[in-house]
Amino acid sequence: GSRLQLAAYGSARLNVYGSQGFGPDVELYLGPNLSYRLGPTFELTMLYEMGMSHFYGDEFGRFYNDGTDLEPGVRWQVTPSLMLNPYLNLYTGNRVNLASTSFGMMLNWQLL
C-alpha cells in the first residue's frame, strides 16, 4: 500500500567469440530505481543506470566503465493494458547540459 517503491534491474551477459573474436565478452548492468505514486494511474520515476564490461583477451578481472546516467520520468497507466513512461536521459559522466541530454519513452502494451 506504500506510494514509494524501490527496485532494481540487473543483467549479466556472456558473449562467446571464436579465436578471431573481439569485443566485450562479459557485460554487467545494474539499474536501481525509485518511483512515487501520485495517484492510481500516475507515478514519478527515477532510474540510475551503470554498466561495465570485460573485453575478450584482457586479464581476468579487468573491467571498463560503460558509463552512468540518471533518468527522471513519469509513468502513466493509460488503460489496464497500456502504459507510457517518458523520461529524460542525463549522462552523469560529463557536465549535464542540453547537448548531453536525450528524451526517451517506453510503451508497454499488453495484448493478452
PDB file of N, CA and C in Angstrom:
ATOM      1  N   GLY A   1       0.797  -1.197   0.000  1.00  0.00           N
ATOM      2  CA  GLY A   1       0.000   0.000   0.000  1.00  0.00           C
ATOM      3  C   GLY A   1       0.845   1.270   0.000  1.00  0.00           C
ATOM      4  N   SER A   2       2.178   1.163   0.015  1.00  0.00           N
ATOM      5  CA  SER A   2       3.027   2.353   0.057  1.00  0.00           C
ATOM      6  C   SER A   2       3.045   3.057  -1.295  1.00  0.00           C
ATOM      7  N   ARG A   3       3.145   4.373  -1.266  1.00  0.00           N
ATOM      8  CA  ARG A   3       3.273   5.148  -2.505  1.00  0.00           C
ATOM      9  C   ARG A   3       4.692   5.088  -3.061  1.00  0.00           C
ATOM     10  N   LEU A   4       5.656   4.766  -2.212  1.00  0.00           N
ATOM     11  CA  LEU A   4       7.071   4.749  -2.584  1.00  0.00           C
ATOM     12  C   LEU A   4       7.525   3.319  -2.861  1.00  0.00           C
ATOM     13  N   GLN A   5       8.218   3.126  -3.989  1.00  0.00           N
ATOM     14  CA  GLN A   5       8.710   1.800  -4.348  1.00  0.00           C
ATOM     15  C   GLN A   5      10.170   1.902  -4.755  1.00  0.00           C
ATOM     16  N   LEU A   6      10.995   1.032  -4.191  1.00  0.00           N
ATOM     17  CA  LEU A   6      12.411   0.933  -4.536  1.00  0.00           C
ATOM     18  C   LEU A   6      12.630  -0.423  -5.195  1.00  0.00           C
ATOM     19  N   ALA A   7      13.289  -0.428  -6.334  1.00  0.00           N
ATOM     20  CA  ALA A   7      13.513  -1.672  -7.075  1.00  0.00           C
ATOM     21  C   ALA A   7      14.866  -1.593  -7.775  1.00  0.00           C
ATOM     22  N   ALA A   8      15.239  -2.659  -8.457  1.00  0.00           N
ATOM     23  CA  ALA A   8      16.481  -2.666  -9.223  1.00  0.00           C
ATOM     24  C   ALA A   8      16.337  -3.601 -10.419  1.00  0.00           C
ATOM     25  N   TYR A   9      16.871  -3.167 -11.553  1.00  0.00           N
ATOM     26  CA  TYR A   9      17.015  -4.013 -12.731  1.00  0.00           C
ATOM     27  C   TYR A   9      18.474  -4.429 -12.780  1.00  0.00           C
ATOM     28  N   GLY A  10      18.738  -5.603 -13.269  1.00  0.00           N
ATOM     29  CA  GLY A  10      20.116  -6.048 -13.399  1.00  0.00           C
ATOM     30  C   GLY A  10      20.244  -7.096 -14.471  1.00  0.00           C
ATOM     31  N   SER A  11      21.441  -7.191 -15.033  1.00  0.00           N
ATOM     32  CA  SER A  11      21.690  -8.237 -16.022  1.00  0.00           C
ATOM     33  C   SER A  11      23.177  -8.532 -16.098  1.00  0.00           C
ATOM     34  N   ALA A  12      23.466  -9.741 -16.527  1.00  0.00           N
ATOM     35  CA  ALA A  12      24.832 -10.173 -16.817  1.00  0.00           C
ATOM     36  C   ALA A  12      24.767 -10.921 -18.139  1.00  0.00           C
ATOM     37  N   ARG A  13      25.659 -10.589 -19.049  1.00  0.00           N
ATOM     38  CA  ARG A  13      25.646 -11.226 -20.368  1.00  0.00           C
ATOM     39  C   ARG A  13      27.046 -11.716 -20.710  1.00  0.00           C
ATOM     40  N   LEU A  14      27.110 -12.937 -21.205  1.00  0.00           N
ATOM     41  CA  LEU A  14      28.361 -13.542 -21.633  1.00  0.00           C
ATOM     42  C   LEU A  14      28.317 -13.687 -23.146  1.00  0.00           C
ATOM     43  N   ASN A  15      29.282 -13.086 -23.835  1.00  0.00           N
ATOM     44  CA  ASN A  15      29.402 -13.196 -25.284  1.00  0.00           C
ATOM     45  C   ASN A  15      30.561 -14.149 -25.582  1.00  0.00           C
ATOM     46  N   VAL A  16      30.326 -15.140 -26.413  1.00  0.00           N
ATOM     47  CA  VAL A  16      31.360 -16.142 -26.728  1.00  0.00           C
ATOM     48  C   VAL A  16      31.890 -15.861 -28.135  1.00  0.00           C
ATOM     49  N   TYR A  17      33.206 -15.689 -28.229  1.00  0.00           N
ATOM     50  CA  TYR A  17      33.869 -15.406 -29.505  1.00  0.00           C
ATOM     51  C   TYR A  17      34.773 -16.567 -29.893  1.00  0.00           C
ATOM     52  N   GLY A  18      35.003 -16.735 -31.168  1.00  0.00           N
ATOM     53  CA  GLY A  18      35.970 -17.714 -31.652  1.00  0.00           C
ATOM     54  C   GLY A  18      37.378 -17.149 -31.536  1.00  0.00           C
ATOM     55  N   SER A  19      38.341 -17.812 -32.112  1.00  0.00           N
ATOM     56  CA  SER A  19      39.741 -17.378 -31.990  1.00  0.00           C
ATOM     57  C   SER A  19      39.990 -16.019 -32.636  1.00  0.00           C
ATOM     58  N   GLN A  20      39.156 -15.600 -33.578  1.00  0.00           N
ATOM     59  CA  GLN A  20      39.312 -14.295 -34.225  1.00  0.00           C
ATOM     60  C   GLN A  20      38.384 -13.237 -33.627  1.00  0.00           C
ATOM     61  N   GLY A  21      37.717 -13.570 -32.527  1.00  0.00           N
ATOM     62  CA  GLY A  21      36.727 -12.668 -31.949  1.00  0.00           C
ATOM     63  C   GLY A  21      37.330 -11.475 -31.243  1.00  0.00           C
ATOM     64  N   PHE A  22      36.520 -10.437 -31.070  1.00  0.00           N
ATOM     65  CA  PHE A  22      36.931  -9.262 -30.318  1.00  0.00           C
ATOM     66  C   PHE A  22      35.684  -8.589 -29.778  1.00  0.00           C
ATOM     67  N   GLY A  23      35.861  -7.783 -28.743  1.00  0.00           N
ATOM     68  CA  GLY A  23      34.739  -7.068 -28.143  1.00  0.00           C
ATOM     69  C   GLY A  23      34.516  -7.496 -26.711  1.00  0.00           C
ATOM     70  N   PRO A  24      33.444  -6.983 -26.108  1.00  0.00           N
ATOM     71  CA  PRO A  24      33.181  -7.335 -24.711  1.00  0.00           C
ATOM     72  C   PRO A  24      32.675  -8.771 -24.595  1.00  0.00           C
ATOM     73  N   ASP A  25      33.329  -9.569 -23.736  1.00  0.00           N
ATOM     74  CA  ASP A  25      32.853 -10.934 -23.529  1.00  0.00           C
ATOM     75  C   ASP A  25      31.993 -11.050 -22.271  1.00  0.00           C
ATOM     76  N   VAL A  26      32.095 -10.085 -21.367  1.00  0.00           N
ATOM     77  CA  VAL A  26      31.226 -10.037 -20.185  1.00  0.00           C
ATOM     78  C   VAL A  26      30.684  -8.618 -20.068  1.00  0.00           C
ATOM     79  N   GLU A  27      29.364  -8.496 -19.942  1.00  0.00           N
ATOM     80  CA  GLU A  27      28.718  -7.196 -19.764  1.00  0.00           C
ATOM     81  C   GLU A  27      27.822  -7.259 -18.539  1.00  0.00           C
ATOM     82  N   LEU A  28      28.015  -6.325 -17.601  1.00  0.00           N
ATOM     83  CA  LEU A  28      27.231  -6.272 -16.374  1.00  0.00           C
ATOM     84  C   LEU A  28      26.466  -4.953 -16.320  1.00  0.00           C
ATOM     85  N   TYR A  29      25.223  -5.006 -15.839  1.00  0.00           N
ATOM     86  CA  TYR A  29      24.355  -3.826 -15.774  1.00  0.00           C
ATOM     87  C   TYR A  29      23.589  -3.841 -14.460  1.00  0.00           C
ATOM     88  N   LEU A  30      23.459  -2.666 -13.839  1.00  0.00           N
ATOM     89  CA  LEU A  30      22.643  -2.503 -12.642  1.00  0.00           C
ATOM     90  C   LEU A  30      21.900  -1.189 -12.750  1.00  0.00           C
ATOM     91  N   GLY A  31      20.602  -1.221 -12.462  1.00  0.00           N
ATOM     92  CA  GLY A  31      19.761  -0.032 -12.562  1.00  0.00           C
ATOM     93  C   GLY A  31      18.836   0.112 -11.374  1.00  0.00           C
ATOM     94  N   PRO A  32      19.340   0.619 -10.232  1.00  0.00           N
ATOM     95  CA  PRO A  32      18.421   0.872  -9.118  1.00  0.00           C
ATOM     96  C   PRO A  32      17.443   1.985  -9.494  1.00  0.00           C
ATOM     97  N   ASN A  33      16.209   1.850  -9.050  1.00  0.00           N
ATOM     98  CA  ASN A  33      15.197   2.841  -9.404  1.00  0.00           C
ATOM     99  C   ASN A  33      14.219   3.065  -8.269  1.00  0.00           C
ATOM    100  N   LEU A  34      13.574   4.208  -8.327  1.00  0.00           N
ATOM    101  CA  LEU A  34      12.642   4.644  -7.300  1.00  0.00           C
ATOM    102  C   LEU A  34      11.415   5.205  -8.000  1.00  0.00           C
ATOM    103  N   SER A  35      10.238   4.908  -7.477  1.00  0.00           N
ATOM    104  CA  SER A  35       9.023   5.509  -8.023  1.00  0.00           C
ATOM    105  C   SER A  35       8.131   5.963  -6.875  1.00  0.00           C
ATOM    106  N   TYR A  36       7.403   7.031  -7.146  1.00  0.00           N
ATOM    107  CA  TYR A  36       6.469   7.579  -6.163  1.00  0.00           C
ATOM    108  C   TYR A  36       5.107   7.735  -6.833  1.00  0.00           C
ATOM    109  N   ARG A  37       4.117   7.024  -6.305  1.00  0.00           N
ATOM    110  CA  ARG A  37       2.771   7.030  -6.889  1.00  0.00           C
ATOM    111  C   ARG A  37       2.019   8.269  -6.437  1.00  0.00           C
ATOM    112  N   LEU A  38       1.613   9.086  -7.414  1.00  0.00           N
ATOM    113  CA  LEU A  38       0.828  10.295  -7.133  1.00  0.00           C
ATOM    114  C   LEU A  38      -0.671  10.007  -7.137  1.00  0.00           C
ATOM    115  N   GLY A  39      -1.077   9.001  -7.883  1.00  0.00           N
ATOM    116  CA  GLY A  39      -2.479   8.623  -7.989  1.00  0.00           C
ATOM    117  C   GLY A  39      -2.568   7.196  -8.467  1.00  0.00           C
ATOM    118  N   PRO A  40      -3.765   6.688  -8.715  1.00  0.00           N
ATOM    119  CA  PRO A  40      -3.906   5.287  -9.107  1.00  0.00           C
ATOM    120  C   PRO A  40      -3.273   4.948 -10.462  1.00  0.00           C
ATOM    121  N   THR A  41      -3.054   5.940 -11.326  1.00  0.00           N
ATOM    122  CA  THR A  41      -2.518   5.651 -12.665  1.00  0.00           C
ATOM    123  C   THR A  41      -1.285   6.476 -13.018  1.00  0.00           C
ATOM    124  N   PHE A  42      -0.702   7.219 -12.065  1.00  0.00           N
ATOM    125  CA  PHE A  42       0.380   8.143 -12.386  1.00  0.00           C
ATOM    126  C   PHE A  42       1.481   8.071 -11.331  1.00  0.00           C
ATOM    127  N   GLU A  43       2.757   7.936 -11.791  1.00  0.00           N
ATOM    128  CA  GLU A  43       3.907   7.855 -10.891  1.00  0.00           C
ATOM    129  C   GLU A  43       5.046   8.730 -11.388  1.00  0.00           C
ATOM    130  N   LEU A  44       5.829   9.259 -10.466  1.00  0.00           N
ATOM    131  CA  LEU A  44       7.109   9.888 -10.778  1.00  0.00           C
ATOM    132  C   LEU A  44       8.170   8.803 -10.662  1.00  0.00           C
ATOM    133  N   THR A  45       9.140   8.794 -11.577  1.00  0.00           N
ATOM    134  CA  THR A  45      10.154   7.738 -11.573  1.00  0.00           C
ATOM    135  C   THR A  45      11.565   8.325 -11.623  1.00  0.00           C
ATOM    136  N   MET A  46      12.527   7.568 -11.095  1.00  0.00           N
ATOM    137  CA  MET A  46      13.937   7.939 -11.160  1.00  0.00           C
ATOM    138  C   MET A  46      14.740   6.648 -11.271  1.00  0.00           C
ATOM    139  N   LEU A  47      15.565   6.557 -12.314  1.00  0.00           N
ATOM    140  CA  LEU A  47      16.395   5.378 -12.558  1.00  0.00           C
ATOM    141  C   LEU A  47      17.846   5.829 -12.677  1.00  0.00           C
ATOM    142  N   TYR A  48      18.752   5.120 -12.004  1.00  0.00           N
ATOM    143  CA  TYR A  48      20.189   5.352 -12.143  1.00  0.00           C
ATOM    144  C   TYR A  48      20.776   4.118 -12.805  1.00  0.00           C
ATOM    145  N   GLU A  49      21.416   4.279 -13.968  1.00  0.00           N
ATOM    146  CA  GLU A  49      21.974   3.139 -14.693  1.00  0.00           C
ATOM    147  C   GLU A  49      23.498   3.150 -14.646  1.00  0.00           C
ATOM    148  N   MET A  50      24.059   1.953 -14.505  1.00  0.00           N
ATOM    149  CA  MET A  50      25.512   1.804 -14.546  1.00  0.00           C
ATOM    150  C   MET A  50      25.853   0.467 -15.183  1.00  0.00           C
ATOM    151  N   GLY A  51      26.945   0.462 -15.925  1.00  0.00           N
ATOM    152  CA  GLY A  51      27.358  -0.768 -16.580  1.00  0.00           C
ATOM    153  C   GLY A  51      28.863  -0.863 -16.659  1.00  0.00           C
ATOM    154  N   MET A  52      29.341  -2.087 -16.804  1.00  0.00           N
ATOM    155  CA  MET A  52      30.769  -2.306 -17.010  1.00  0.00           C
ATOM    156  C   MET A  52      30.964  -3.537 -17.862  1.00  0.00           C
ATOM    157  N   SER A  53      32.116  -3.560 -18.558  1.00  0.00           N
ATOM    158  CA  SER A  53      32.406  -4.647 -19.497  1.00  0.00           C
ATOM    159  C   SER A  53      33.839  -5.136 -19.339  1.00  0.00           C
ATOM    160  N   HIS A  54      34.008  -6.416 -19.600  1.00  0.00           N
ATOM    161  CA  HIS A  54      35.334  -7.021 -19.710  1.00  0.00           C
ATOM    162  C   HIS A  54      35.531  -7.361 -21.182  1.00  0.00           C
ATOM    163  N   PHE A  55      36.700  -7.073 -21.725  1.00  0.00           N
ATOM    164  CA  PHE A  55      36.944  -7.314 -23.143  1.00  0.00           C
ATOM    165  C   PHE A  55      37.731  -8.602 -23.358  1.00  0.00           C
ATOM    166  N   TYR A  56      37.336  -9.315 -24.390  1.00  0.00           N
ATOM    167  CA  TYR A  56      37.966 -10.577 -24.753  1.00  0.00           C
ATOM    168  C   TYR A  56      39.478 -10.379 -24.887  1.00  0.00           C
ATOM    169  N   GLY A  57      40.242 -11.218 -24.204  1.00  0.00           N
ATOM    170  CA  GLY A  57      41.695 -11.152 -24.265  1.00  0.00           C
ATOM    171  C   GLY A  57      42.335 -10.349 -23.150  1.00  0.00           C
ATOM    172  N   ASP A  58      41.571  -9.522 -22.437  1.00  0.00           N
ATOM    173  CA  ASP A  58      42.129  -8.757 -21.311  1.00  0.00           C
ATOM    174  C   ASP A  58      42.334  -9.680 -20.112  1.00  0.00           C
ATOM    175  N   GLU A  59      43.163  -9.218 -19.174  1.00  0.00           N
ATOM    176  CA  GLU A  59      43.425 -10.020 -17.986  1.00  0.00           C
ATOM    177  C   GLU A  59      42.150 -10.232 -17.180  1.00  0.00           C
ATOM    178  N   PHE A  60      42.089 -11.348 -16.481  1.00  0.00           N
ATOM    179  CA  PHE A  60      40.927 -11.710 -15.680  1.00  0.00           C
ATOM    180  C   PHE A  60      40.638 -10.624 -14.638  1.00  0.00           C
ATOM    181  N   GLY A  61      39.401 -10.222 -14.507  1.00  0.00           N
ATOM    182  CA  GLY A  61      39.007  -9.243 -13.500  1.00  0.00           C
ATOM    183  C   GLY A  61      39.139  -7.790 -13.917  1.00  0.00           C
ATOM    184  N   ARG A  62      39.629  -7.513 -15.117  1.00  0.00           N
ATOM    185  CA  ARG A  62      39.763  -6.123 -15.579  1.00  0.00           C
ATOM    186  C   ARG A  62      38.475  -5.706 -16.287  1.00  0.00           C
ATOM    187  N   PHE A  63      37.782  -4.740 -15.706  1.00  0.00           N
ATOM    188  CA  PHE A  63      36.524  -4.249 -16.266  1.00  0.00           C
ATOM    189  C   PHE A  63      36.644  -2.773 -16.614  1.00  0.00           C
ATOM    190  N   TYR A  64      35.876  -2.347 -17.607  1.00  0.00           N
ATOM    191  CA  TYR A  64      35.829  -0.956 -18.040  1.00  0.00           C
ATOM    192  C   TYR A  64      34.451  -0.384 -17.733  1.00  0.00           C
ATOM    193  N   ASN A  65      34.439   0.867 -17.320  1.00  0.00           N
ATOM    194  CA  ASN A  65      33.196   1.566 -17.020  1.00  0.00           C
ATOM    195  C   ASN A  65      32.492   1.902 -18.330  1.00  0.00           C
ATOM    196  N   ASP A  66      31.253   1.441 -18.497  1.00  0.00           N
ATOM    197  CA  ASP A  66      30.480   1.734 -19.706  1.00  0.00           C
ATOM    198  C   ASP A  66      29.696   3.039 -19.576  1.00  0.00           C
ATOM    199  N   GLY A  67      29.797   3.690 -18.438  1.00  0.00           N
ATOM    200  CA  GLY A  67      29.108   4.960 -18.237  1.00  0.00           C
ATOM    201  C   GLY A  67      27.913   4.821 -17.304  1.00  0.00           C
ATOM    202  N   THR A  68      27.458   5.968 -16.867  1.00  0.00           N
ATOM    203  CA  THR A  68      26.306   6.032 -15.981  1.00  0.00           C
ATOM    204  C   THR A  68      25.361   7.116 -16.472  1.00  0.00           C
ATOM    205  N   ASP A  69      24.106   6.987 -16.122  1.00  0.00           N
ATOM    206  CA  ASP A  69      23.146   8.035 -16.439  1.00  0.00           C
ATOM    207  C   ASP A  69      22.002   8.018 -15.439  1.00  0.00           C
ATOM    208  N   LEU A  70      21.316   9.130 -15.367  1.00  0.00           N
ATOM    209  CA  LEU A  70      20.180   9.330 -14.482  1.00  0.00           C
ATOM    210  C   LEU A  70      18.965   9.591 -15.361  1.00  0.00           C
ATOM    211  N   GLU A  71      17.843   8.930 -15.053  1.00  0.00           N
ATOM    212  CA  GLU A  71      16.647   9.057 -15.883  1.00  0.00           C
ATOM    213  C   GLU A  71      15.417   9.432 -15.051  1.00  0.00           C
ATOM    214  N   PRO A  72      15.148  10.730 -14.885  1.00  0.00           N
ATOM    215  CA  PRO A  72      13.888  11.130 -14.253  1.00  0.00           C
ATOM    216  C   PRO A  72      12.751  11.017 -15.272  1.00  0.00           C
ATOM    217  N   GLY A  73      11.585  10.590 -14.820  1.00  0.00           N
ATOM    218  CA  GLY A  73      10.465  10.442 -15.740  1.00  0.00           C
ATOM    219  C   GLY A  73       9.136  10.313 -15.029  1.00  0.00           C
ATOM    220  N   VAL A  74       8.130   9.976 -15.800  1.00  0.00           N
ATOM    221  CA  VAL A  74       6.784   9.725 -15.277  1.00  0.00           C
ATOM    222  C   VAL A  74       6.280   8.419 -15.885  1.00  0.00           C
ATOM    223  N   ARG A  75       5.407   7.742 -15.163  1.00  0.00           N
ATOM    224  CA  ARG A  75       4.782   6.522 -15.655  1.00  0.00           C
ATOM    225  C   ARG A  75       3.273   6.706 -15.562  1.00  0.00           C
ATOM    226  N   TRP A  76       2.609   6.529 -16.706  1.00  0.00           N
ATOM    227  CA  TRP A  76       1.170   6.733 -16.779  1.00  0.00           C
ATOM    228  C   TRP A  76       0.509   5.459 -17.288  1.00  0.00           C
ATOM    229  N   GLN A  77      -0.343   4.877 -16.480  1.00  0.00           N
ATOM    230  CA  GLN A  77      -1.114   3.694 -16.863  1.00  0.00           C
ATOM    231  C   GLN A  77      -2.374   4.188 -17.561  1.00  0.00           C
ATOM    232  N   VAL A  78      -2.307   4.381 -18.872  1.00  0.00           N
ATOM    233  CA  VAL A  78      -3.382   4.979 -19.659  1.00  0.00           C
ATOM    234  C   VAL A  78      -4.644   4.122 -19.575  1.00  0.00           C
ATOM    235  N   THR A  79      -4.492   2.824 -19.781  1.00  0.00           N
ATOM    236  CA  THR A  79      -5.568   1.845 -19.629  1.00  0.00           C
ATOM    237  C   THR A  79      -4.965   0.652 -18.891  1.00  0.00           C
ATOM    238  N   PRO A  80      -5.769  -0.334 -18.482  1.00  0.00           N
ATOM    239  CA  PRO A  80      -5.178  -1.509 -17.824  1.00  0.00           C
ATOM    240  C   PRO A  80      -4.152  -2.251 -18.687  1.00  0.00           C
ATOM    241  N   SER A  81      -4.205  -2.082 -20.010  1.00  0.00           N
ATOM    242  CA  SER A  81      -3.257  -2.789 -20.877  1.00  0.00           C
ATOM    243  C   SER A  81      -2.241  -1.877 -21.564  1.00  0.00           C
ATOM    244  N   LEU A  82      -2.268  -0.566 -21.315  1.00  0.00           N
ATOM    245  CA  LEU A  82      -1.355   0.363 -21.981  1.00  0.00           C
ATOM    246  C   LEU A  82      -0.685   1.284 -20.966  1.00  0.00           C
ATOM    247  N   MET A  83       0.660   1.273 -20.960  1.00  0.00           N
ATOM    248  CA  MET A  83       1.434   2.106 -20.040  1.00  0.00           C
ATOM    249  C   MET A  83       2.461   2.915 -20.830  1.00  0.00           C
ATOM    250  N   LEU A  84       2.566   4.222 -20.552  1.00  0.00           N
ATOM    251  CA  LEU A  84       3.561   5.114 -21.153  1.00  0.00           C
ATOM    252  C   LEU A  84       4.542   5.557 -20.081  1.00  0.00           C
ATOM    253  N   ASN A  85       5.829   5.596 -20.437  1.00  0.00           N
ATOM    254  CA  ASN A  85       6.866   6.024 -19.492  1.00  0.00           C
ATOM    255  C   ASN A  85       7.869   6.929 -20.209  1.00  0.00           C
ATOM    256  N   PRO A  86       7.543   8.240 -20.385  1.00  0.00           N
ATOM    257  CA  PRO A  86       8.527   9.166 -20.957  1.00  0.00           C
ATOM    258  C   PRO A  86       9.564   9.556 -19.889  1.00  0.00           C
ATOM    259  N   TYR A  87      10.806   9.791 -20.326  1.00  0.00           N
ATOM    260  CA  TYR A  87      11.875  10.136 -19.387  1.00  0.00           C
ATOM    261  C   TYR A  87      12.950  10.963 -20.089  1.00  0.00           C
ATOM    262  N   LEU A  88      13.749  11.644 -19.279  1.00  0.00           N
ATOM    263  CA  LEU A  88      14.949  12.322 -19.757  1.00  0.00           C
ATOM    264  C   LEU A  88      16.139  11.442 -19.427  1.00  0.00           C
ATOM    265  N   ASN A  89      17.147  11.432 -20.280  1.00  0.00           N
ATOM    266  CA  ASN A  89      18.365  10.675 -20.045  1.00  0.00           C
ATOM    267  C   ASN A  89      19.496  11.683 -19.850  1.00  0.00           C
ATOM    268  N   LEU A  90      19.999  11.776 -18.616  1.00  0.00           N
ATOM    269  CA  LEU A  90      21.063  12.720 -18.263  1.00  0.00           C
ATOM    270  C   LEU A  90      22.340  11.940 -18.008  1.00  0.00           C
ATOM    271  N   TYR A  91      23.339  12.107 -18.868  1.00  0.00           N
ATOM    272  CA  TYR A  91      24.604  11.403 -18.686  1.00  0.00           C
ATOM    273  C   TYR A  91      25.391  12.063 -17.570  1.00  0.00           C
ATOM    274  N   THR A  92      25.713  11.302 -16.543  1.00  0.00           N
ATOM    275  CA  THR A  92      26.340  11.863 -15.347  1.00  0.00           C
ATOM    276  C   THR A  92      27.856  11.923 -15.430  1.00  0.00           C
ATOM    277  N   GLY A  93      28.462  11.286 -16.433  1.00  0.00           N
ATOM    278  CA  GLY A  93      29.914  11.291 -16.555  1.00  0.00           C
ATOM    279  C   GLY A  93      30.477  12.621 -17.015  1.00  0.00           C
ATOM    280  N   ASN A  94      29.679  13.426 -17.679  1.00  0.00           N
ATOM    281  CA  ASN A  94      30.098  14.734 -18.168  1.00  0.00           C
ATOM    282  C   ASN A  94      29.239  15.799 -17.515  1.00  0.00           C
ATOM    283  N   ARG A  95      29.540  17.013 -17.823  1.00  0.00           N
ATOM    284  CA  ARG A  95      28.705  18.105 -17.337  1.00  0.00           C
ATOM    285  C   ARG A  95      27.323  17.967 -17.960  1.00  0.00           C
ATOM    286  N   VAL A  96      26.285  18.016 -17.137  1.00  0.00           N
ATOM    287  CA  VAL A  96      24.930  17.870 -17.650  1.00  0.00           C
ATOM    288  C   VAL A  96      24.543  19.144 -18.393  1.00  0.00           C
ATOM    289  N   ASN A  97      24.211  19.003 -19.665  1.00  0.00           N
ATOM    290  CA  ASN A  97      23.758  20.130 -20.470  1.00  0.00           C
ATOM    291  C   ASN A  97      22.815  19.616 -21.551  1.00  0.00           C
ATOM    292  N   LEU A  98      22.250  20.496 -22.312  1.00  0.00           N
ATOM    293  CA  LEU A  98      21.286  20.115 -23.332  1.00  0.00           C
ATOM    294  C   LEU A  98      21.900  19.192 -24.386  1.00  0.00           C
ATOM    295  N   ALA A  99      23.159  19.406 -24.722  1.00  0.00           N
ATOM    296  CA  ALA A  99      23.812  18.588 -25.746  1.00  0.00           C
ATOM    297  C   ALA A  99      23.995  17.135 -25.297  1.00  0.00           C
ATOM    298  N   SER A 100      24.071  16.888 -23.979  1.00  0.00           N
ATOM    299  CA  SER A 100      24.269  15.518 -23.489  1.00  0.00           C
ATOM    300  C   SER A 100      22.988  14.932 -22.902  1.00  0.00           C
ATOM    301  N   THR A 101      21.868  15.568 -23.130  1.00  0.00           N
ATOM    302  CA  THR A 101      20.581  15.105 -22.599  1.00  0.00           C
ATOM    303  C   THR A 101      19.713  14.616 -23.755  1.00  0.00           C
ATOM    304  N   SER A 102      19.031  13.509 -23.534  1.00  0.00           N
ATOM    305  CA  SER A 102      18.125  12.998 -24.561  1.00  0.00           C
ATOM    306  C   SER A 102      16.775  12.665 -23.927  1.00  0.00           C
ATOM    307  N   PHE A 103      15.788  12.486 -24.773  1.00  0.00           N
ATOM    308  CA  PHE A 103      14.437  12.147 -24.357  1.00  0.00           C
ATOM    309  C   PHE A 103      14.141  10.734 -24.837  1.00  0.00           C
ATOM    310  N   GLY A 104      13.528   9.938 -23.982  1.00  0.00           N
ATOM    311  CA  GLY A 104      13.145   8.587 -24.376  1.00  0.00           C
ATOM    312  C   GLY A 104      11.754   8.270 -23.868  1.00  0.00           C
ATOM    313  N   MET A 105      11.190   7.212 -24.384  1.00  0.00           N
ATOM    314  CA  MET A 105       9.877   6.784 -23.917  1.00  0.00           C
ATOM    315  C   MET A 105       9.743   5.280 -24.080  1.00  0.00           C
ATOM    316  N   MET A 106       9.215   4.647 -23.045  1.00  0.00           N
ATOM    317  CA  MET A 106       8.863   3.239 -23.131  1.00  0.00           C
ATOM    318  C   MET A 106       7.356   3.142 -23.246  1.00  0.00           C
ATOM    319  N   LEU A 107       6.912   2.223 -24.070  1.00  0.00           N
ATOM    320  CA  LEU A 107       5.496   1.937 -24.258  1.00  0.00           C
ATOM    321  C   LEU A 107       5.295   0.453 -24.003  1.00  0.00           C
ATOM    322  N   ASN A 108       4.490   0.132 -23.029  1.00  0.00           N
ATOM    323  CA  ASN A 108       4.149  -1.272 -22.746  1.00  0.00           C
ATOM    324  C   ASN A 108       2.690  -1.483 -23.100  1.00  0.00           C
ATOM    325  N   TRP A 109       2.439  -2.464 -23.951  1.00  0.00           N
ATOM    326  CA  TRP A 109       1.080  -2.757 -24.380  1.00  0.00           C
ATOM    327  C   TRP A 109       0.849  -4.251 -24.190  1.00  0.00           C
ATOM    328  N   GLN A 110      -0.044  -4.593 -23.299  1.00  0.00           N
ATOM    329  CA  GLN A 110      -0.360  -5.988 -23.015  1.00  0.00           C
ATOM    330  C   GLN A 110      -1.467  -6.438 -23.968  1.00  0.00           C
ATOM    331  N   LEU A 111      -1.159  -7.406 -24.803  1.00  0.00           N
ATOM    332  CA  LEU A 111      -2.105  -7.857 -25.813  1.00  0.00           C
ATOM    333  C   LEU A 111      -3.074  -8.919 -25.302  1.00  0.00           C
ATOM    334  N   LEU A 112      -2.625  -9.780 -24.431  1.00  0.00           N
ATOM    335  CA  LEU A 112      -3.496 -10.860 -23.939  1.00  0.00           C
ATOM    336  C   LEU A 112      -3.868 -10.664 -22.493  1.00  0.00           C
TER     337      LEU A 112
END
